[in-house]
Amino acid sequence: MGPCNFSPTLAWLVDAASDCPGADRLLAELGAHLVADGVPLAAGSLTLEVPHPLIAKRTWLWRAETGRVIEALGFAPGGLAPDPPDDAGRRWLRDIARGEVHEEVVGRSDGPQLGWIGPRPFTADEIEQLRQAARFAATPLAVLAARATLRATLDAYLGKRSAERVLAAPLRRDLGETIQAALLYADLRNFTTLSETTPPADVIAALDAWFDRIAGAVHAFGGEVLKFIGDGVLAIFPVVEASPRRACDAALRAAGAAEAGMAYLNGERGAQGLPPLAFGAALHLGEILWGNIGAANRLDFTAIGPAVNLASRLEGLCKPLERTVLVSGALAAETDTPLVALGSHPLRGIASLCEVFTLPETQTRIS
């Protein structure tokens, strides 16, 4: 048997396409190769299903004239927006040119979908070229899909920064780094009573609503939720510049936003005849060990250290001090945000007294 004579497009799909950094670049380069091979293209689209808590599909849209790629998202049921029709890529392609859209499902029946449109209808030979390209694209797209699945899974369970750290390092428990961060530790009040007196489905709904508010506030101001611990949350705002002021201010704004979000949520719960959800939050600034811990073959990526312990203990003062948000002296010293001093208090397991502050607008009484 003689050597295979692949077209430049098919040779690229076999030899180099799997090295593309993402599906957007694969689509753009595949389109450019097809044009170079003589296929008249005006635009192309690539749709992938993705494992994500909110996003069901990602569609990339490429224009031959400019070489640019834009992205459209299809949200999962219960996500941020109603599901768009499955033909989002097809409709976009039809807006570019008047010809018929040629679509191919790559690989299995529920695999990625490639769509193309030209300035005129495709000939039979051109359609065959597009079909061959779709068949040869199965392997590189499977590689990209597996890579995207891994990244999306790690992002969902670890957070973006922590996922990047895990992907960049070997899977060993002796790897970690000491970083400075503003910490936010928060949990619900009276959760044990709630869980014992409320149907499990309603408990889960309450927890999800609480986590949406606190995590949404953290992410809105550049922080990252590191752990959900029962009904509690540990979040970090890493210090990325010489001064920690920016991280501390972000943590304070996130705490204020969480209060506002919970007030709105409790208004909705009250209208449904449900009891309000009270919470406590503590903010602290310190150094943490950020990395892998665990057993030899079962790792956890987390933050540990005295600063984490102090934040947890400080949160325990919210109820006796009848405040929703408490701030340590270490964080208070690094911000110009007006705070109210509450004196120095002992913390369980902490040798030194801790200066404690609160937000002036924090008047919520914790029952």
Protein backbone atom coordinates (compact mmCIF):
# COMPACT_ATOMS: atom_id res chain seq x y z
CA MET A 1 0.00 0.00 0.00
CA GLY A 2 1.42 3.39 -0.93
CA PRO A 3 1.63 6.39 1.37
CA CYS A 4 -1.57 8.31 2.14
CA ASN A 5 -1.85 11.60 0.29
CA PHE A 6 -3.65 13.81 2.75
CA SER A 7 -4.69 17.32 1.90
CA PRO A 8 -2.95 20.03 3.97
CA THR A 9 -6.14 20.36 6.04
CA LEU A 10 -6.30 16.66 6.91
CA ALA A 11 -2.55 16.52 7.56
CA TRP A 12 -2.89 19.41 10.01
CA LEU A 13 -5.81 17.71 11.75
CA VAL A 14 -3.75 14.55 12.18
CA ASP A 15 -0.43 16.14 13.16
CA ALA A 16 -1.05 19.42 14.93
CA ALA A 17 -4.70 20.20 15.70
CA SER A 18 -4.60 18.50 19.12
CA ASP A 19 -2.03 21.09 20.23
CA CYS A 20 -4.47 23.98 19.80
CA PRO A 21 -4.92 25.80 23.13
CA GLY A 22 -8.71 25.79 22.80
CA ALA A 23 -11.70 25.05 20.62
CA ASP A 24 -11.81 28.65 19.39
CA ARG A 25 -8.34 28.39 17.88
CA LEU A 26 -9.06 24.97 16.41
CA LEU A 27 -12.13 26.34 14.63
CA ALA A 28 -10.25 29.38 13.30
CA GLU A 29 -7.29 27.35 12.07
CA LEU A 30 -9.48 24.63 10.57
CA GLY A 31 -11.47 27.27 8.69
CA ALA A 32 -8.28 28.91 7.42
CA HIS A 33 -6.87 25.55 6.26
CA LEU A 34 -10.08 24.69 4.42
CA VAL A 35 -10.05 28.07 2.66
CA ALA A 36 -6.41 27.50 1.69
CA ASP A 37 -7.46 24.11 0.28
CA GLY A 38 -9.99 25.84 -1.96
CA VAL A 39 -13.24 25.51 0.00
CA PRO A 40 -15.15 28.81 -0.25
CA LEU A 41 -16.14 29.64 3.33
CA ALA A 42 -17.81 32.72 4.71
CA ALA A 43 -18.09 31.52 8.31
CA GLY A 44 -18.05 28.49 10.56
CA SER A 45 -19.33 27.37 13.95
CA LEU A 46 -18.36 24.76 16.51
CA THR A 47 -20.66 23.68 19.34
CA LEU A 48 -19.55 21.59 22.31
CA GLU A 49 -21.47 20.34 25.31
CA VAL A 50 -19.57 21.15 28.49
CA PRO A 51 -19.76 19.89 32.09
CA HIS A 52 -20.53 23.06 34.01
CA PRO A 53 -22.99 23.95 36.79
CA LEU A 54 -24.51 26.77 34.72
CA ILE A 55 -23.44 26.32 31.09
CA ALA A 56 -24.76 23.49 28.95
CA LYS A 57 -23.16 24.36 25.60
CA ARG A 58 -20.48 26.61 24.18
CA THR A 59 -20.64 27.73 20.56
CA TRP A 60 -17.72 29.43 18.81
CA LEU A 61 -18.42 31.46 15.68
CA TRP A 62 -15.69 32.20 13.11
CA ARG A 63 -15.76 34.67 10.22
CA ALA A 64 -13.48 34.00 7.28
CA GLU A 65 -13.27 37.68 6.33
CA THR A 66 -11.70 38.78 9.61
CA GLY A 67 -10.46 35.53 11.15
CA ARG A 68 -12.10 36.56 14.41
CA VAL A 69 -13.90 34.14 16.73
CA ILE A 70 -16.69 35.05 19.13
CA GLU A 71 -18.42 32.81 21.66
CA ALA A 72 -22.05 32.19 22.57
CA LEU A 73 -23.15 30.34 25.70
CA GLY A 74 -26.14 28.07 26.16
CA PHE A 75 -27.20 27.89 29.80
CA ALA A 76 -28.31 24.77 31.61
CA PRO A 77 -31.84 24.50 33.07
CA GLY A 78 -31.91 26.61 36.22
CA GLY A 79 -28.91 28.61 35.00
CA LEU A 80 -28.55 32.33 34.42
CA ALA A 81 -30.75 32.53 31.33
CA PRO A 82 -33.23 30.43 29.38
CA ASP A 83 -31.80 27.83 27.04
CA PRO A 84 -31.23 29.21 23.55
CA PRO A 85 -32.38 27.04 20.64
CA ASP A 86 -29.95 24.31 19.63
CA ASP A 87 -29.54 25.97 16.24
CA ALA A 88 -27.82 29.10 17.58
CA GLY A 89 -24.78 28.47 15.39
CA ARG A 90 -26.96 27.75 12.35
CA ARG A 91 -28.96 30.93 12.77
CA TRP A 92 -25.79 32.99 13.14
CA LEU A 93 -24.29 31.45 10.00
CA ARG A 94 -27.44 32.25 8.03
CA ASP A 95 -27.08 35.88 9.05
CA ILE A 96 -23.61 35.93 7.46
CA ALA A 97 -24.44 34.52 4.02
CA ARG A 98 -27.41 33.38 1.98
CA GLY A 99 -26.27 29.84 1.23
CA GLU A 100 -27.30 26.60 2.91
CA VAL A 101 -25.56 25.73 6.15
CA HIS A 102 -23.61 22.49 6.00
CA GLU A 103 -23.46 20.76 9.40
CA GLU A 104 -21.62 17.66 10.57
CA VAL A 105 -21.78 15.90 13.92
CA VAL A 106 -18.24 14.90 14.84
CA GLY A 107 -17.76 11.41 16.24
CA ARG A 108 -20.70 9.94 18.13
CA SER A 109 -24.29 11.10 17.66
CA ASP A 110 -24.14 13.52 20.59
CA GLY A 111 -20.65 14.76 19.76
CA PRO A 112 -19.40 18.22 18.76
CA GLN A 113 -21.15 19.91 15.85
CA LEU A 114 -19.33 21.73 13.05
CA GLY A 115 -21.23 24.09 10.78
CA TRP A 116 -20.09 25.95 7.66
CA ILE A 117 -21.57 28.39 5.19
CA GLY A 118 -20.16 29.81 1.98
CA PRO A 119 -20.85 32.78 -0.27
CA ARG A 120 -22.60 30.29 -2.57
CA PRO A 121 -23.95 26.74 -2.24
CA PHE A 122 -21.24 24.12 -1.79
CA THR A 123 -20.51 21.70 -4.62
CA ALA A 124 -20.52 17.94 -4.06
CA ASP A 125 -16.70 17.88 -3.94
CA GLU A 126 -16.64 20.72 -1.39
CA ILE A 127 -19.22 18.94 0.78
CA GLU A 128 -17.02 15.85 0.70
CA GLN A 129 -14.04 17.94 1.83
CA LEU A 130 -16.09 19.26 4.76
CA ARG A 131 -17.20 15.76 5.67
CA GLN A 132 -13.63 14.46 5.58
CA ALA A 133 -12.52 17.37 7.78
CA ALA A 134 -15.26 16.55 10.31
CA ARG A 135 -14.20 12.90 10.43
CA PHE A 136 -10.54 13.76 10.94
CA ALA A 137 -11.45 16.42 13.54
CA ALA A 138 -12.88 13.76 15.88
CA THR A 139 -9.58 12.99 17.63
CA PRO A 140 -8.35 16.56 18.25
CA LEU A 141 -11.83 17.60 19.38
CA ALA A 142 -11.95 14.64 21.78
CA VAL A 143 -8.59 15.80 23.21
CA LEU A 144 -9.86 19.36 23.60
CA ALA A 145 -13.15 18.17 25.12
CA ALA A 146 -11.31 16.01 27.67
CA ARG A 147 -9.06 18.95 28.56
CA ALA A 148 -12.07 21.27 28.90
CA THR A 149 -13.92 18.70 31.02
CA LEU A 150 -10.99 18.41 33.41
CA ARG A 151 -10.63 22.17 33.70
CA ALA A 152 -14.37 22.78 34.14
CA THR A 153 -14.58 20.08 36.81
CA LEU A 154 -11.64 21.45 38.77
CA ASP A 155 -12.97 25.02 38.47
CA ALA A 156 -16.36 23.92 39.79
CA TYR A 157 -14.98 21.99 42.77
CA LEU A 158 -11.87 23.99 43.63
CA GLY A 159 -12.27 27.49 42.20
CA LYS A 160 -10.35 29.08 39.33
CA ARG A 161 -7.12 29.98 41.14
CA SER A 162 -6.87 26.70 43.00
CA ALA A 163 -7.64 24.74 39.81
CA GLU A 164 -4.81 26.52 38.00
CA ARG A 165 -2.49 25.66 40.87
CA VAL A 166 -3.49 21.98 40.84
CA LEU A 167 -3.09 21.69 37.05
CA ALA A 168 0.32 23.33 37.14
CA ALA A 169 1.86 21.08 39.79
CA PRO A 170 2.41 17.35 40.35
CA LEU A 171 -0.17 15.46 42.42
CA ARG A 172 1.87 15.29 45.60
CA ARG A 173 1.00 16.31 49.13
CA ASP A 174 4.36 17.95 49.85
CA LEU A 175 3.63 20.80 47.45
CA GLY A 176 2.24 24.11 48.65
CA GLU A 177 3.11 27.75 49.03
CA THR A 178 2.74 30.37 51.71
CA ILE A 179 0.66 33.31 50.56
CA GLN A 180 -0.85 36.34 52.25
CA ALA A 181 -4.60 36.70 51.91
CA ALA A 182 -7.64 38.35 53.37
CA LEU A 183 -9.82 35.55 54.71
CA LEU A 184 -13.58 35.40 54.99
CA TYR A 185 -15.10 32.67 57.14
CA ALA A 186 -18.90 32.56 57.44
CA ASP A 187 -21.64 30.17 58.47
CA LEU A 188 -25.36 30.04 59.06
CA ARG A 189 -26.84 30.42 62.52
CA ASN A 190 -29.10 27.76 64.04
CA PHE A 191 -28.48 25.40 61.13
CA THR A 192 -28.75 22.34 63.36
CA THR A 193 -32.26 23.37 64.42
CA LEU A 194 -33.18 24.12 60.82
CA SER A 195 -31.96 20.72 59.63
CA GLU A 196 -33.83 18.87 62.39
CA THR A 197 -37.15 20.63 61.86
CA THR A 198 -37.21 21.05 58.07
CA PRO A 199 -37.62 18.48 55.28
CA PRO A 200 -34.26 17.61 53.70
CA ALA A 201 -35.19 19.08 50.32
CA ASP A 202 -36.01 22.42 51.97
CA VAL A 203 -32.74 22.32 53.92
CA ILE A 204 -30.79 21.83 50.70
CA ALA A 205 -32.72 24.66 49.04
CA ALA A 206 -31.92 26.96 51.98
CA LEU A 207 -28.24 26.00 51.88
CA ASP A 208 -28.03 26.58 48.13
CA ALA A 209 -29.69 29.99 48.48
CA TRP A 210 -27.25 30.94 51.27
CA PHE A 211 -24.24 29.73 49.30
CA ASP A 212 -25.43 31.65 46.23
CA ARG A 213 -25.44 34.89 48.22
CA ILE A 214 -22.14 34.48 50.04
CA ALA A 215 -20.23 32.93 47.12
CA GLY A 216 -21.73 35.40 44.67
CA ALA A 217 -20.52 38.28 46.82
CA VAL A 218 -17.05 36.77 47.16
CA HIS A 219 -16.66 36.18 43.43
CA ALA A 220 -18.04 39.62 42.55
CA PHE A 221 -15.14 41.26 44.36
CA GLY A 222 -12.37 39.02 43.08
CA GLY A 223 -12.23 36.45 45.86
CA GLU A 224 -12.45 32.71 45.66
CA VAL A 225 -14.47 30.24 47.68
CA LEU A 226 -11.96 27.67 48.85
CA LYS A 227 -14.24 25.41 50.90
CA PHE A 228 -17.85 24.71 51.72
CA ILE A 229 -17.74 23.21 55.21
CA GLY A 230 -21.20 22.01 56.19
CA ASP A 231 -23.13 25.27 56.28
CA GLY A 232 -19.90 27.28 56.40
CA VAL A 233 -17.73 28.94 53.77
CA LEU A 234 -14.00 29.67 53.70
CA ALA A 235 -13.01 32.23 51.06
CA ILE A 236 -9.74 33.94 50.26
CA PHE A 237 -8.75 37.22 48.66
CA PRO A 238 -5.07 36.70 47.82
CA VAL A 239 -2.72 39.66 48.17
CA VAL A 240 -1.26 40.14 44.69
CA GLU A 241 0.54 43.45 45.23
CA ALA A 242 2.98 44.75 47.82
CA SER A 243 0.14 46.29 49.84
CA PRO A 244 -2.72 44.11 51.13
CA ARG A 245 -5.14 47.04 51.11
CA ARG A 246 -6.87 46.02 47.90
CA ALA A 247 -7.52 42.47 49.13
CA CYS A 248 -8.79 43.74 52.49
CA ASP A 249 -11.12 46.28 50.91
CA ALA A 250 -12.46 43.59 48.56
CA ALA A 251 -13.18 41.27 51.49
CA LEU A 252 -15.03 44.05 53.33
CA ARG A 253 -17.11 44.89 50.26
CA ALA A 254 -17.92 41.23 49.78
CA ALA A 255 -19.13 40.95 53.39
CA GLY A 256 -21.36 44.00 52.92
CA ALA A 257 -22.73 42.60 49.66
CA ALA A 258 -23.47 39.28 51.36
CA GLU A 259 -25.47 41.11 54.05
CA ALA A 260 -27.49 42.91 51.37
CA GLY A 261 -28.06 39.68 49.47
CA MET A 262 -29.23 37.85 52.57
CA ALA A 263 -31.57 40.69 53.49
CA TYR A 264 -33.18 40.39 50.06
CA LEU A 265 -33.36 36.60 50.38
CA ASN A 266 -35.00 36.86 53.80
CA GLY A 267 -37.58 39.19 52.34
CA GLU A 268 -38.44 36.52 49.77
CA ARG A 269 -38.51 33.81 52.46
CA GLY A 270 -40.80 35.92 54.63
CA ALA A 271 -43.24 36.33 51.74
CA GLN A 272 -43.32 32.51 51.50
CA GLY A 273 -43.89 32.08 55.22
CA LEU A 274 -40.36 30.78 55.80
CA PRO A 275 -38.12 31.84 58.70
CA PRO A 276 -35.18 34.17 58.00
CA LEU A 277 -31.64 32.85 57.68
CA ALA A 278 -29.10 34.53 59.94
CA PHE A 279 -25.37 34.24 59.45
CA GLY A 280 -22.09 35.34 60.93
CA ALA A 281 -18.90 36.27 59.07
CA ALA A 282 -15.35 37.01 60.17
CA LEU A 283 -12.63 38.77 58.18
CA HIS A 284 -8.92 38.44 58.90
CA LEU A 285 -5.59 39.09 57.17
CA GLY A 286 -2.70 36.69 57.46
CA GLU A 287 -0.43 34.13 55.89
CA ILE A 288 -1.79 30.72 54.88
CA LEU A 289 -0.29 27.55 53.50
CA TRP A 290 -2.11 27.04 50.22
CA GLY A 291 -1.70 23.62 48.67
CA ASN A 292 -2.16 19.86 48.92
CA ILE A 293 -2.70 17.98 52.15
CA GLY A 294 -4.13 14.53 52.84
CA ALA A 295 -3.28 10.86 52.61
CA ALA A 296 -0.69 9.52 50.22
CA ASN A 297 -3.32 8.64 47.59
CA ARG A 298 -6.20 10.96 48.56
CA LEU A 299 -5.43 14.67 48.44
CA ASP A 300 -7.29 17.83 49.30
CA PHE A 301 -6.36 21.30 48.06
CA THR A 302 -6.97 23.77 50.85
CA ALA A 303 -5.58 26.51 53.07
CA ILE A 304 -4.33 25.90 56.59
CA GLY A 305 -2.47 27.86 59.22
CA PRO A 306 -2.97 30.07 62.27
CA ALA A 307 -4.73 32.74 60.20
CA VAL A 308 -7.45 30.26 59.17
CA ASN A 309 -7.87 29.18 62.79
CA LEU A 310 -8.19 32.77 63.96
CA ALA A 311 -10.82 33.58 61.33
CA SER A 312 -12.86 30.55 62.39
CA ARG A 313 -12.61 31.44 66.09
CA LEU A 314 -13.43 35.09 65.42
CA GLU A 315 -16.59 34.07 63.58
CA GLY A 316 -17.65 32.30 66.78
CA LEU A 317 -17.86 35.72 68.47
CA CYS A 318 -20.59 36.95 66.11
CA LYS A 319 -23.37 35.47 68.22
CA PRO A 320 -22.21 36.62 71.70
CA LEU A 321 -21.36 40.09 70.33
CA GLU A 322 -24.65 40.18 68.40
CA ARG A 323 -23.02 41.22 65.16
CA THR A 324 -23.20 39.80 61.67
CA VAL A 325 -19.70 40.78 60.48
CA LEU A 326 -16.58 40.92 62.64
CA VAL A 327 -13.18 42.18 61.49
CA SER A 328 -9.82 41.42 63.08
CA GLY A 329 -7.38 44.13 64.05
CA ALA A 330 -4.90 42.81 61.46
CA LEU A 331 -7.32 43.46 58.61
CA ALA A 332 -8.67 46.69 60.11
CA ALA A 333 -5.13 48.12 60.12
CA GLU A 334 -4.90 47.75 56.34
CA THR A 335 -8.05 49.56 55.27
CA ASP A 336 -9.47 53.06 55.30
CA THR A 337 -13.02 51.71 55.48
CA PRO A 338 -14.72 53.17 58.58
CA LEU A 339 -15.05 50.47 61.24
CA VAL A 340 -16.47 50.37 64.76
CA ALA A 341 -14.13 49.11 67.49
CA LEU A 342 -15.57 46.44 69.77
CA GLY A 343 -12.56 46.03 72.04
CA SER A 344 -10.13 43.14 72.49
CA HIS A 345 -11.47 39.66 73.07
CA PRO A 346 -10.04 36.22 73.83
CA LEU A 347 -10.48 33.59 71.13
CA ARG A 348 -10.64 29.91 71.92
CA GLY A 349 -7.29 28.27 71.24
CA ILE A 350 -5.58 31.61 70.42
CA ALA A 351 -2.96 32.80 72.91
CA SER A 352 -3.27 36.56 72.35
CA LEU A 353 -6.31 38.79 72.64
CA CYS A 354 -7.78 39.82 69.30
CA GLU A 355 -8.81 43.37 68.49
CA VAL A 356 -12.30 43.18 67.05
CA PHE A 357 -14.12 45.62 64.79
CA THR A 358 -17.38 45.61 62.88
CA LEU A 359 -18.93 47.48 59.97
CA PRO A 360 -20.81 50.59 61.11
CA GLU A 361 -23.90 49.62 59.13
CA THR A 362 -23.87 46.13 60.66
CA GLN A 363 -26.65 46.41 63.19
CA THR A 364 -28.20 42.99 62.68
CA ARG A 365 -28.87 41.18 65.91
CA ILE A 366 -27.99 37.51 65.81
CA SER A 367 -30.44 35.26 67.63
